[in-house]
Amino acid sequence: MSTGALGASAGSASAEDYVPINVGHWVGLYDGPNTSSKAGWADVPPGGAIIAQCWTVGESIGNYGNTWYRAYQVYWPSAGWTNVSPDVYVFAGYADGNARTVDRDPKIPRCR
C-alpha cells in the first residue's frame, strides 16, 4: 500500500486502518450503515480495500451480522486508491468477515 493511501482523514475519527475486501463478496458503498441509500460509487470487488475510520452497528444482512465500516478511501484493483466524499459505509461481513469490527482492531474504534 502506498503512503498516500494513509493520508489525513476527512472525518472526526482519531484512528484508521486498512481493510482488505477478502471474503469473496463484492461490497457496495452506502451513504449510511444500511442498504437503503447507495452512494454514487461502483461496488468494490474482492482484492479491493478500504481505509476504515471506525465501525458502527447498522442493518443486519443474512448471517453476516450488523456491523459496518465508515471509510473515506477505497481501492479498486483496476483503478487504484480514490478519496470518496462524503464518507461511505461498507458492510463489514462482506468486506472482511467482521475481522476488524467490535474493537478487534485498536486502530478502528467504534464511530461516535
PDB file of N, CA and C in Angstrom:
ATOM      1  N   MET A   1       0.841  -1.166   0.000  1.00  0.00           N
ATOM      2  CA  MET A   1       0.000   0.000   0.000  1.00  0.00           C
ATOM      3  C   MET A   1       0.888   1.232   0.000  1.00  0.00           C
ATOM      4  N   SER A   2       0.493   2.207  -0.752  1.00  0.00           N
ATOM      5  CA  SER A   2       1.283   3.428  -0.832  1.00  0.00           C
ATOM      6  C   SER A   2       1.051   4.300   0.393  1.00  0.00           C
ATOM      7  N   THR A   3       2.002   5.151   0.675  1.00  0.00           N
ATOM      8  CA  THR A   3       1.883   6.073   1.794  1.00  0.00           C
ATOM      9  C   THR A   3       0.690   6.992   1.601  1.00  0.00           C
ATOM     10  N   GLY A   4       0.404   7.360   0.372  1.00  0.00           N
ATOM     11  CA  GLY A   4      -0.724   8.245   0.097  1.00  0.00           C
ATOM     12  C   GLY A   4      -2.055   7.665   0.514  1.00  0.00           C
ATOM     13  N   ALA A   5      -2.154   6.357   0.581  1.00  0.00           N
ATOM     14  CA  ALA A   5      -3.409   5.724   0.970  1.00  0.00           C
ATOM     15  C   ALA A   5      -3.721   5.945   2.432  1.00  0.00           C
ATOM     16  N   LEU A   6      -2.748   6.358   3.213  1.00  0.00           N
ATOM     17  CA  LEU A   6      -2.980   6.592   4.627  1.00  0.00           C
ATOM     18  C   LEU A   6      -2.945   8.068   4.970  1.00  0.00           C
ATOM     19  N   GLY A   7      -3.379   8.899   4.033  1.00  0.00           N
ATOM     20  CA  GLY A   7      -3.365  10.341   4.235  1.00  0.00           C
ATOM     21  C   GLY A   7      -4.339  10.791   5.305  1.00  0.00           C
ATOM     22  N   ALA A   8      -4.404  12.063   5.522  1.00  0.00           N
ATOM     23  CA  ALA A   8      -5.255  12.630   6.562  1.00  0.00           C
ATOM     24  C   ALA A   8      -6.723  12.328   6.296  1.00  0.00           C
ATOM     25  N   SER A   9      -7.422  12.061   7.347  1.00  0.00           N
ATOM     26  CA  SER A   9      -8.837  11.716   7.277  1.00  0.00           C
ATOM     27  C   SER A   9      -9.699  12.960   7.190  1.00  0.00           C
ATOM     28  N   ALA A  10     -10.776  12.856   6.434  1.00  0.00           N
ATOM     29  CA  ALA A  10     -11.713  13.967   6.339  1.00  0.00           C
ATOM     30  C   ALA A  10     -12.708  13.948   7.483  1.00  0.00           C
ATOM     31  N   GLY A  11     -12.833  12.821   8.195  1.00  0.00           N
ATOM     32  CA  GLY A  11     -13.803  12.686   9.271  1.00  0.00           C
ATOM     33  C   GLY A  11     -13.210  13.041  10.619  1.00  0.00           C
ATOM     34  N   SER A  12     -14.002  12.764  11.671  1.00  0.00           N
ATOM     35  CA  SER A  12     -13.561  13.104  13.010  1.00  0.00           C
ATOM     36  C   SER A  12     -12.945  11.919  13.740  1.00  0.00           C
ATOM     37  N   ALA A  13     -12.817  10.788  13.096  1.00  0.00           N
ATOM     38  CA  ALA A  13     -12.233   9.625  13.748  1.00  0.00           C
ATOM     39  C   ALA A  13     -10.759   9.885  14.036  1.00  0.00           C
ATOM     40  N   SER A  14     -10.295   9.353  15.163  1.00  0.00           N
ATOM     41  CA  SER A  14      -8.910   9.608  15.546  1.00  0.00           C
ATOM     42  C   SER A  14      -7.976   8.521  15.060  1.00  0.00           C
ATOM     43  N   ALA A  15      -8.486   7.472  14.489  1.00  0.00           N
ATOM     44  CA  ALA A  15      -7.650   6.372  14.012  1.00  0.00           C
ATOM     45  C   ALA A  15      -8.223   5.842  12.710  1.00  0.00           C
ATOM     46  N   GLU A  16      -7.487   4.930  12.092  1.00  0.00           N
ATOM     47  CA  GLU A  16      -7.934   4.331  10.836  1.00  0.00           C
ATOM     48  C   GLU A  16      -7.060   3.128  10.548  1.00  0.00           C
ATOM     49  N   ASP A  17      -7.543   2.246   9.682  1.00  0.00           N
ATOM     50  CA  ASP A  17      -6.730   1.100   9.292  1.00  0.00           C
ATOM     51  C   ASP A  17      -7.197   0.580   7.939  1.00  0.00           C
ATOM     52  N   TYR A  18      -6.310  -0.146   7.319  1.00  0.00           N
ATOM     53  CA  TYR A  18      -6.522  -0.803   6.030  1.00  0.00           C
ATOM     54  C   TYR A  18      -7.399  -2.032   6.244  1.00  0.00           C
ATOM     55  N   VAL A  19      -8.451  -2.171   5.438  1.00  0.00           N
ATOM     56  CA  VAL A  19      -9.335  -3.334   5.492  1.00  0.00           C
ATOM     57  C   VAL A  19      -9.413  -3.935   4.093  1.00  0.00           C
ATOM     58  N   PRO A  20      -8.867  -5.132   3.903  1.00  0.00           N
ATOM     59  CA  PRO A  20      -8.961  -5.770   2.588  1.00  0.00           C
ATOM     60  C   PRO A  20     -10.364  -6.325   2.348  1.00  0.00           C
ATOM     61  N   ILE A  21     -10.793  -6.313   1.107  1.00  0.00           N
ATOM     62  CA  ILE A  21     -12.052  -6.956   0.716  1.00  0.00           C
ATOM     63  C   ILE A  21     -11.652  -8.379   0.332  1.00  0.00           C
ATOM     64  N   ASN A  22     -11.844  -9.306   1.271  1.00  0.00           N
ATOM     65  CA  ASN A  22     -11.200 -10.607   1.091  1.00  0.00           C
ATOM     66  C   ASN A  22     -12.042 -11.840   1.402  1.00  0.00           C
ATOM     67  N   VAL A  23     -13.359 -11.710   1.515  1.00  0.00           N
ATOM     68  CA  VAL A  23     -14.153 -12.910   1.804  1.00  0.00           C
ATOM     69  C   VAL A  23     -14.976 -13.387   0.607  1.00  0.00           C
ATOM     70  N   GLY A  24     -14.678 -12.868  -0.575  1.00  0.00           N
ATOM     71  CA  GLY A  24     -15.326 -13.365  -1.780  1.00  0.00           C
ATOM     72  C   GLY A  24     -16.548 -12.604  -2.246  1.00  0.00           C
ATOM     73  N   HIS A  25     -16.932 -11.560  -1.533  1.00  0.00           N
ATOM     74  CA  HIS A  25     -18.095 -10.751  -1.919  1.00  0.00           C
ATOM     75  C   HIS A  25     -17.641  -9.425  -2.516  1.00  0.00           C
ATOM     76  N   TRP A  26     -18.393  -8.940  -3.491  1.00  0.00           N
ATOM     77  CA  TRP A  26     -18.271  -7.540  -3.889  1.00  0.00           C
ATOM     78  C   TRP A  26     -18.965  -6.742  -2.790  1.00  0.00           C
ATOM     79  N   VAL A  27     -18.472  -5.548  -2.478  1.00  0.00           N
ATOM     80  CA  VAL A  27     -19.114  -4.729  -1.463  1.00  0.00           C
ATOM     81  C   VAL A  27     -19.618  -3.435  -2.080  1.00  0.00           C
ATOM     82  N   GLY A  28     -20.805  -3.057  -1.644  1.00  0.00           N
ATOM     83  CA  GLY A  28     -21.376  -1.791  -2.061  1.00  0.00           C
ATOM     84  C   GLY A  28     -20.919  -0.682  -1.135  1.00  0.00           C
ATOM     85  N   LEU A  29     -20.999   0.537  -1.624  1.00  0.00           N
ATOM     86  CA  LEU A  29     -20.676   1.724  -0.838  1.00  0.00           C
ATOM     87  C   LEU A  29     -21.979   2.481  -0.606  1.00  0.00           C
ATOM     88  N   TYR A  30     -22.272   2.762   0.652  1.00  0.00           N
ATOM     89  CA  TYR A  30     -23.564   3.319   1.037  1.00  0.00           C
ATOM     90  C   TYR A  30     -23.405   4.631   1.796  1.00  0.00           C
ATOM     91  N   ASP A  31     -24.478   5.443   1.784  1.00  0.00           N
ATOM     92  CA  ASP A  31     -24.478   6.724   2.481  1.00  0.00           C
ATOM     93  C   ASP A  31     -24.601   6.558   3.997  1.00  0.00           C
ATOM     94  N   GLY A  32     -25.090   5.438   4.452  1.00  0.00           N
ATOM     95  CA  GLY A  32     -25.243   5.148   5.877  1.00  0.00           C
ATOM     96  C   GLY A  32     -25.072   3.655   6.102  1.00  0.00           C
ATOM     97  N   PRO A  33     -25.157   3.196   7.335  1.00  0.00           N
ATOM     98  CA  PRO A  33     -24.935   1.784   7.642  1.00  0.00           C
ATOM     99  C   PRO A  33     -26.155   0.897   7.354  1.00  0.00           C
ATOM    100  N   ASN A  34     -26.647   1.022   6.122  1.00  0.00           N
ATOM    101  CA  ASN A  34     -27.788   0.218   5.674  1.00  0.00           C
ATOM    102  C   ASN A  34     -27.814   0.238   4.150  1.00  0.00           C
ATOM    103  N   THR A  35     -28.611  -0.636   3.581  1.00  0.00           N
ATOM    104  CA  THR A  35     -28.647  -0.755   2.118  1.00  0.00           C
ATOM    105  C   THR A  35     -29.719   0.116   1.466  1.00  0.00           C
ATOM    106  N   SER A  36     -30.325   1.032   2.222  1.00  0.00           N
ATOM    107  CA  SER A  36     -31.405   1.837   1.653  1.00  0.00           C
ATOM    108  C   SER A  36     -30.916   2.997   0.782  1.00  0.00           C
ATOM    109  N   SER A  37     -29.645   3.374   0.894  1.00  0.00           N
ATOM    110  CA  SER A  37     -29.161   4.522   0.132  1.00  0.00           C
ATOM    111  C   SER A  37     -27.743   4.279  -0.370  1.00  0.00           C
ATOM    112  N   LYS A  38     -27.661   3.813  -1.606  1.00  0.00           N
ATOM    113  CA  LYS A  38     -26.367   3.512  -2.213  1.00  0.00           C
ATOM    114  C   LYS A  38     -25.660   4.803  -2.598  1.00  0.00           C
ATOM    115  N   ALA A  39     -24.382   4.883  -2.263  1.00  0.00           N
ATOM    116  CA  ALA A  39     -23.576   6.046  -2.673  1.00  0.00           C
ATOM    117  C   ALA A  39     -23.296   5.932  -4.173  1.00  0.00           C
ATOM    118  N   GLY A  40     -22.853   6.990  -4.770  1.00  0.00           N
ATOM    119  CA  GLY A  40     -22.659   7.021  -6.219  1.00  0.00           C
ATOM    120  C   GLY A  40     -21.335   6.440  -6.701  1.00  0.00           C
ATOM    121  N   TRP A  41     -20.840   5.432  -6.059  1.00  0.00           N
ATOM    122  CA  TRP A  41     -19.569   4.801  -6.429  1.00  0.00           C
ATOM    123  C   TRP A  41     -19.807   3.358  -6.827  1.00  0.00           C
ATOM    124  N   ALA A  42     -18.943   2.841  -7.671  1.00  0.00           N
ATOM    125  CA  ALA A  42     -19.036   1.441  -8.096  1.00  0.00           C
ATOM    126  C   ALA A  42     -18.735   0.511  -6.924  1.00  0.00           C
ATOM    127  N   ASP A  43     -19.344  -0.682  -6.952  1.00  0.00           N
ATOM    128  CA  ASP A  43     -19.043  -1.693  -5.950  1.00  0.00           C
ATOM    129  C   ASP A  43     -17.565  -2.078  -6.027  1.00  0.00           C
ATOM    130  N   VAL A  44     -17.028  -2.546  -4.919  1.00  0.00           N
ATOM    131  CA  VAL A  44     -15.609  -2.908  -4.828  1.00  0.00           C
ATOM    132  C   VAL A  44     -15.493  -4.438  -4.853  1.00  0.00           C
ATOM    133  N   PRO A  45     -14.683  -4.971  -5.765  1.00  0.00           N
ATOM    134  CA  PRO A  45     -14.566  -6.424  -5.876  1.00  0.00           C
ATOM    135  C   PRO A  45     -13.587  -7.001  -4.846  1.00  0.00           C
ATOM    136  N   PRO A  46     -13.618  -8.329  -4.661  1.00  0.00           N
ATOM    137  CA  PRO A  46     -12.568  -8.962  -3.869  1.00  0.00           C
ATOM    138  C   PRO A  46     -11.204  -8.548  -4.433  1.00  0.00           C
ATOM    139  N   GLY A  47     -10.246  -8.324  -3.557  1.00  0.00           N
ATOM    140  CA  GLY A  47      -8.951  -7.806  -3.974  1.00  0.00           C
ATOM    141  C   GLY A  47      -8.849  -6.302  -3.796  1.00  0.00           C
ATOM    142  N   GLY A  48      -9.991  -5.645  -3.596  1.00  0.00           N
ATOM    143  CA  GLY A  48     -10.008  -4.225  -3.294  1.00  0.00           C
ATOM    144  C   GLY A  48      -9.762  -4.017  -1.809  1.00  0.00           C
ATOM    145  N   ALA A  49      -9.940  -2.784  -1.361  1.00  0.00           N
ATOM    146  CA  ALA A  49      -9.716  -2.465   0.046  1.00  0.00           C
ATOM    147  C   ALA A  49     -10.360  -1.128   0.374  1.00  0.00           C
ATOM    148  N   ILE A  50     -10.453  -0.855   1.664  1.00  0.00           N
ATOM    149  CA  ILE A  50     -10.892   0.456   2.140  1.00  0.00           C
ATOM    150  C   ILE A  50      -9.959   0.892   3.255  1.00  0.00           C
ATOM    151  N   ILE A  51      -9.969   2.169   3.543  1.00  0.00           N
ATOM    152  CA  ILE A  51      -9.359   2.692   4.755  1.00  0.00           C
ATOM    153  C   ILE A  51     -10.533   3.023   5.677  1.00  0.00           C
ATOM    154  N   ALA A  52     -10.676   2.224   6.728  1.00  0.00           N
ATOM    155  CA  ALA A  52     -11.794   2.381   7.659  1.00  0.00           C
ATOM    156  C   ALA A  52     -11.415   3.332   8.785  1.00  0.00           C
ATOM    157  N   GLN A  53     -12.305   4.260   9.068  1.00  0.00           N
ATOM    158  CA  GLN A  53     -12.115   5.199  10.165  1.00  0.00           C
ATOM    159  C   GLN A  53     -12.667   4.640  11.464  1.00  0.00           C
ATOM    160  N   CYS A  54     -13.780   3.906  11.347  1.00  0.00           N
ATOM    161  CA  CYS A  54     -14.458   3.399  12.529  1.00  0.00           C
ATOM    162  C   CYS A  54     -15.470   2.351  12.099  1.00  0.00           C
ATOM    163  N   TRP A  55     -16.082   1.689  13.081  1.00  0.00           N
ATOM    164  CA  TRP A  55     -17.139   0.719  12.805  1.00  0.00           C
ATOM    165  C   TRP A  55     -18.391   1.150  13.568  1.00  0.00           C
ATOM    166  N   THR A  56     -19.543   0.726  13.072  1.00  0.00           N
ATOM    167  CA  THR A  56     -20.811   1.048  13.710  1.00  0.00           C
ATOM    168  C   THR A  56     -21.797  -0.091  13.498  1.00  0.00           C
ATOM    169  N   VAL A  57     -22.874  -0.063  14.231  1.00  0.00           N
ATOM    170  CA  VAL A  57     -23.937  -1.052  14.089  1.00  0.00           C
ATOM    171  C   VAL A  57     -24.993  -0.472  13.153  1.00  0.00           C
ATOM    172  N   GLY A  58     -25.467  -1.308  12.243  1.00  0.00           N
ATOM    173  CA  GLY A  58     -26.495  -0.893  11.298  1.00  0.00           C
ATOM    174  C   GLY A  58     -27.339  -2.075  10.882  1.00  0.00           C
ATOM    175  N   GLU A  59     -27.776  -2.053   9.642  1.00  0.00           N
ATOM    176  CA  GLU A  59     -28.615  -3.122   9.112  1.00  0.00           C
ATOM    177  C   GLU A  59     -27.892  -4.468   9.166  1.00  0.00           C
ATOM    178  N   SER A  60     -28.632  -5.488   9.566  1.00  0.00           N
ATOM    179  CA  SER A  60     -28.121  -6.856   9.571  1.00  0.00           C
ATOM    180  C   SER A  60     -28.403  -7.488   8.217  1.00  0.00           C
ATOM    181  N   ILE A  61     -27.435  -8.222   7.696  1.00  0.00           N
ATOM    182  CA  ILE A  61     -27.606  -8.887   6.401  1.00  0.00           C
ATOM    183  C   ILE A  61     -27.320 -10.376   6.582  1.00  0.00           C
ATOM    184  N   GLY A  62     -28.340 -11.186   6.381  1.00  0.00           N
ATOM    185  CA  GLY A  62     -28.192 -12.635   6.497  1.00  0.00           C
ATOM    186  C   GLY A  62     -27.572 -13.035   7.819  1.00  0.00           C
ATOM    187  N   ASN A  63     -26.655 -13.973   7.770  1.00  0.00           N
ATOM    188  CA  ASN A  63     -25.942 -14.441   8.961  1.00  0.00           C
ATOM    189  C   ASN A  63     -24.595 -13.750   9.123  1.00  0.00           C
ATOM    190  N   TYR A  64     -24.409 -12.608   8.452  1.00  0.00           N
ATOM    191  CA  TYR A  64     -23.130 -11.909   8.474  1.00  0.00           C
ATOM    192  C   TYR A  64     -23.041 -10.810   9.524  1.00  0.00           C
ATOM    193  N   GLY A  65     -24.056 -10.656  10.342  1.00  0.00           N
ATOM    194  CA  GLY A  65     -24.018  -9.653  11.398  1.00  0.00           C
ATOM    195  C   GLY A  65     -24.575  -8.315  10.989  1.00  0.00           C
ATOM    196  N   ASN A  66     -24.258  -7.296  11.794  1.00  0.00           N
ATOM    197  CA  ASN A  66     -24.833  -5.961  11.588  1.00  0.00           C
ATOM    198  C   ASN A  66     -23.798  -4.846  11.738  1.00  0.00           C
ATOM    199  N   THR A  67     -22.525  -5.152  11.556  1.00  0.00           N
ATOM    200  CA  THR A  67     -21.510  -4.111  11.689  1.00  0.00           C
ATOM    201  C   THR A  67     -21.059  -3.585  10.325  1.00  0.00           C
ATOM    202  N   TRP A  68     -20.734  -2.305  10.319  1.00  0.00           N
ATOM    203  CA  TRP A  68     -20.367  -1.584   9.105  1.00  0.00           C
ATOM    204  C   TRP A  68     -19.127  -0.747   9.385  1.00  0.00           C
ATOM    205  N   TYR A  69     -18.292  -0.570   8.369  1.00  0.00           N
ATOM    206  CA  TYR A  69     -17.149   0.331   8.449  1.00  0.00           C
ATOM    207  C   TYR A  69     -17.516   1.652   7.791  1.00  0.00           C
ATOM    208  N   ARG A  70     -17.027   2.761   8.372  1.00  0.00           N
ATOM    209  CA  ARG A  70     -17.100   4.055   7.692  1.00  0.00           C
ATOM    210  C   ARG A  70     -15.730   4.288   7.062  1.00  0.00           C
ATOM    211  N   ALA A  71     -15.722   4.623   5.789  1.00  0.00           N
ATOM    212  CA  ALA A  71     -14.466   4.743   5.050  1.00  0.00           C
ATOM    213  C   ALA A  71     -14.420   6.044   4.261  1.00  0.00           C
ATOM    214  N   TYR A  72     -13.197   6.506   4.009  1.00  0.00           N
ATOM    215  CA  TYR A  72     -13.003   7.709   3.197  1.00  0.00           C
ATOM    216  C   TYR A  72     -12.073   7.468   2.019  1.00  0.00           C
ATOM    217  N   GLN A  73     -11.419   6.309   1.978  1.00  0.00           N
ATOM    218  CA  GLN A  73     -10.600   5.943   0.819  1.00  0.00           C
ATOM    219  C   GLN A  73     -10.953   4.521   0.422  1.00  0.00           C
ATOM    220  N   VAL A  74     -10.994   4.306  -0.894  1.00  0.00           N
ATOM    221  CA  VAL A  74     -11.351   2.995  -1.434  1.00  0.00           C
ATOM    222  C   VAL A  74     -10.323   2.615  -2.496  1.00  0.00           C
ATOM    223  N   TYR A  75      -9.972   1.335  -2.518  1.00  0.00           N
ATOM    224  CA  TYR A  75      -9.050   0.818  -3.523  1.00  0.00           C
ATOM    225  C   TYR A  75      -9.799  -0.137  -4.443  1.00  0.00           C
ATOM    226  N   TRP A  76      -9.873   0.217  -5.718  1.00  0.00           N
ATOM    227  CA  TRP A  76     -10.397  -0.666  -6.751  1.00  0.00           C
ATOM    228  C   TRP A  76      -9.181  -1.249  -7.473  1.00  0.00           C
ATOM    229  N   PRO A  77      -9.064  -2.576  -7.608  1.00  0.00           N
ATOM    230  CA  PRO A  77      -7.891  -3.162  -8.256  1.00  0.00           C
ATOM    231  C   PRO A  77      -7.621  -2.597  -9.654  1.00  0.00           C
ATOM    232  N   SER A  78      -8.660  -2.235 -10.374  1.00  0.00           N
ATOM    233  CA  SER A  78      -8.464  -1.738 -11.735  1.00  0.00           C
ATOM    234  C   SER A  78      -8.189  -0.239 -11.808  1.00  0.00           C
ATOM    235  N   ALA A  79      -8.397   0.481 -10.700  1.00  0.00           N
ATOM    236  CA  ALA A  79      -8.279   1.941 -10.744  1.00  0.00           C
ATOM    237  C   ALA A  79      -7.374   2.538  -9.674  1.00  0.00           C
ATOM    238  N   GLY A  80      -7.035   1.796  -8.649  1.00  0.00           N
ATOM    239  CA  GLY A  80      -6.195   2.318  -7.577  1.00  0.00           C
ATOM    240  C   GLY A  80      -7.005   2.973  -6.471  1.00  0.00           C
ATOM    241  N   TRP A  81      -6.315   3.762  -5.645  1.00  0.00           N
ATOM    242  CA  TRP A  81      -6.925   4.429  -4.495  1.00  0.00           C
ATOM    243  C   TRP A  81      -7.677   5.680  -4.917  1.00  0.00           C
ATOM    244  N   THR A  82      -8.836   5.892  -4.297  1.00  0.00           N
ATOM    245  CA  THR A  82      -9.645   7.079  -4.537  1.00  0.00           C
ATOM    246  C   THR A  82     -10.178   7.591  -3.210  1.00  0.00           C
ATOM    247  N   ASN A  83     -10.065   8.888  -2.981  1.00  0.00           N
ATOM    248  CA  ASN A  83     -10.729   9.513  -1.836  1.00  0.00           C
ATOM    249  C   ASN A  83     -12.199   9.639  -2.192  1.00  0.00           C
ATOM    250  N   VAL A  84     -13.066   9.228  -1.303  1.00  0.00           N
ATOM    251  CA  VAL A  84     -14.501   9.345  -1.537  1.00  0.00           C
ATOM    252  C   VAL A  84     -15.070  10.362  -0.553  1.00  0.00           C
ATOM    253  N   SER A  85     -15.952  11.203  -1.061  1.00  0.00           N
ATOM    254  CA  SER A  85     -16.547  12.225  -0.225  1.00  0.00           C
ATOM    255  C   SER A  85     -17.987  12.427  -0.664  1.00  0.00           C
ATOM    256  N   PRO A  86     -18.912  12.453   0.271  1.00  0.00           N
ATOM    257  CA  PRO A  86     -18.716  12.247   1.699  1.00  0.00           C
ATOM    258  C   PRO A  86     -18.298  10.802   1.995  1.00  0.00           C
ATOM    259  N   ASP A  87     -17.945  10.554   3.267  1.00  0.00           N
ATOM    260  CA  ASP A  87     -17.557   9.210   3.676  1.00  0.00           C
ATOM    261  C   ASP A  87     -18.643   8.206   3.307  1.00  0.00           C
ATOM    262  N   VAL A  88     -18.240   6.955   3.124  1.00  0.00           N
ATOM    263  CA  VAL A  88     -19.166   5.886   2.762  1.00  0.00           C
ATOM    264  C   VAL A  88     -19.154   4.802   3.833  1.00  0.00           C
ATOM    265  N   TYR A  89     -20.158   3.950   3.785  1.00  0.00           N
ATOM    266  CA  TYR A  89     -20.256   2.812   4.699  1.00  0.00           C
ATOM    267  C   TYR A  89     -20.181   1.525   3.895  1.00  0.00           C
ATOM    268  N   VAL A  90     -19.464   0.558   4.451  1.00  0.00           N
ATOM    269  CA  VAL A  90     -19.255  -0.746   3.823  1.00  0.00           C
ATOM    270  C   VAL A  90     -19.660  -1.809   4.823  1.00  0.00           C
ATOM    271  N   PHE A  91     -20.466  -2.771   4.385  1.00  0.00           N
ATOM    272  CA  PHE A  91     -20.899  -3.852   5.265  1.00  0.00           C
ATOM    273  C   PHE A  91     -19.702  -4.731   5.614  1.00  0.00           C
ATOM    274  N   ALA A  92     -19.362  -4.790   6.898  1.00  0.00           N
ATOM    275  CA  ALA A  92     -18.153  -5.485   7.356  1.00  0.00           C
ATOM    276  C   ALA A  92     -18.202  -6.992   7.107  1.00  0.00           C
ATOM    277  N   GLY A  93     -19.375  -7.587   7.183  1.00  0.00           N
ATOM    278  CA  GLY A  93     -19.487  -9.024   6.947  1.00  0.00           C
ATOM    279  C   GLY A  93     -19.055  -9.410   5.547  1.00  0.00           C
ATOM    280  N   TYR A  94     -19.352  -8.571   4.564  1.00  0.00           N
ATOM    281  CA  TYR A  94     -18.952  -8.841   3.187  1.00  0.00           C
ATOM    282  C   TYR A  94     -17.518  -8.388   2.901  1.00  0.00           C
ATOM    283  N   ALA A  95     -17.014  -7.438   3.667  1.00  0.00           N
ATOM    284  CA  ALA A  95     -15.664  -6.919   3.423  1.00  0.00           C
ATOM    285  C   ALA A  95     -14.594  -7.887   3.916  1.00  0.00           C
ATOM    286  N   ASP A  96     -14.587  -8.133   5.219  1.00  0.00           N
ATOM    287  CA  ASP A  96     -13.542  -8.979   5.800  1.00  0.00           C
ATOM    288  C   ASP A  96     -14.095  -9.965   6.834  1.00  0.00           C
ATOM    289  N   GLY A  97     -15.391 -10.267   6.734  1.00  0.00           N
ATOM    290  CA  GLY A  97     -15.994 -11.196   7.681  1.00  0.00           C
ATOM    291  C   GLY A  97     -16.007 -10.662   9.104  1.00  0.00           C
ATOM    292  N   ASN A  98     -16.098  -9.341   9.265  1.00  0.00           N
ATOM    293  CA  ASN A  98     -16.127  -8.674  10.571  1.00  0.00           C
ATOM    294  C   ASN A  98     -14.818  -8.809  11.350  1.00  0.00           C
ATOM    295  N   ALA A  99     -13.735  -9.091  10.673  1.00  0.00           N
ATOM    296  CA  ALA A  99     -12.464  -9.365  11.354  1.00  0.00           C
ATOM    297  C   ALA A  99     -11.930  -8.188  12.158  1.00  0.00           C
ATOM    298  N   ARG A 100     -12.286  -6.955  11.796  1.00  0.00           N
ATOM    299  CA  ARG A 100     -11.705  -5.792  12.462  1.00  0.00           C
ATOM    300  C   ARG A 100     -12.739  -4.946  13.200  1.00  0.00           C
ATOM    301  N   THR A 101     -13.960  -5.433  13.295  1.00  0.00           N
ATOM    302  CA  THR A 101     -15.009  -4.672  13.985  1.00  0.00           C
ATOM    303  C   THR A 101     -15.065  -5.044  15.465  1.00  0.00           C
ATOM    304  N   VAL A 102     -15.933  -4.366  16.168  1.00  0.00           N
ATOM    305  CA  VAL A 102     -16.209  -4.625  17.588  1.00  0.00           C
ATOM    306  C   VAL A 102     -14.899  -4.657  18.390  1.00  0.00           C
ATOM    307  N   ASP A 103     -14.056  -3.668  18.130  1.00  0.00           N
ATOM    308  CA  ASP A 103     -12.805  -3.451  18.854  1.00  0.00           C
ATOM    309  C   ASP A 103     -11.769  -4.560  18.696  1.00  0.00           C
ATOM    310  N   ARG A 104     -11.861  -5.351  17.628  1.00  0.00           N
ATOM    311  CA  ARG A 104     -10.826  -6.351  17.346  1.00  0.00           C
ATOM    312  C   ARG A 104      -9.566  -5.700  16.791  1.00  0.00           C
ATOM    313  N   ASP A 105      -9.696  -4.519  16.213  1.00  0.00           N
ATOM    314  CA  ASP A 105      -8.571  -3.766  15.678  1.00  0.00           C
ATOM    315  C   ASP A 105      -8.523  -2.432  16.432  1.00  0.00           C
ATOM    316  N   PRO A 106      -7.514  -2.223  17.270  1.00  0.00           N
ATOM    317  CA  PRO A 106      -7.476  -0.983  18.050  1.00  0.00           C
ATOM    318  C   PRO A 106      -7.358   0.279  17.197  1.00  0.00           C
ATOM    319  N   LYS A 107      -6.992   0.141  15.933  1.00  0.00           N
ATOM    320  CA  LYS A 107      -6.903   1.311  15.054  1.00  0.00           C
ATOM    321  C   LYS A 107      -8.261   1.705  14.466  1.00  0.00           C
ATOM    322  N   ILE A 108      -9.267   0.828  14.647  1.00  0.00           N
ATOM    323  CA  ILE A 108     -10.606   1.130  14.134  1.00  0.00           C
ATOM    324  C   ILE A 108     -11.578   1.167  15.312  1.00  0.00           C
ATOM    325  N   PRO A 109     -11.806   2.350  15.872  1.00  0.00           N
ATOM    326  CA  PRO A 109     -12.714   2.467  17.014  1.00  0.00           C
ATOM    327  C   PRO A 109     -14.179   2.447  16.588  1.00  0.00           C
ATOM    328  N   ARG A 110     -15.049   2.357  17.552  1.00  0.00           N
ATOM    329  CA  ARG A 110     -16.480   2.494  17.266  1.00  0.00           C
ATOM    330  C   ARG A 110     -16.739   3.949  16.871  1.00  0.00           C
ATOM    331  N   CYS A 111     -17.591   4.150  15.866  1.00  0.00           N
ATOM    332  CA  CYS A 111     -17.928   5.503  15.418  1.00  0.00           C
ATOM    333  C   CYS A 111     -18.641   6.256  16.546  1.00  0.00           C
ATOM    334  N   ARG A 112     -18.365   7.525  16.635  1.00  0.00           N
ATOM    335  CA  ARG A 112     -19.000   8.374  17.662  1.00  0.00           C
ATOM    336  C   ARG A 112     -19.914   9.363  17.012  1.00  0.00           C
TER     337      ARG A 112
END
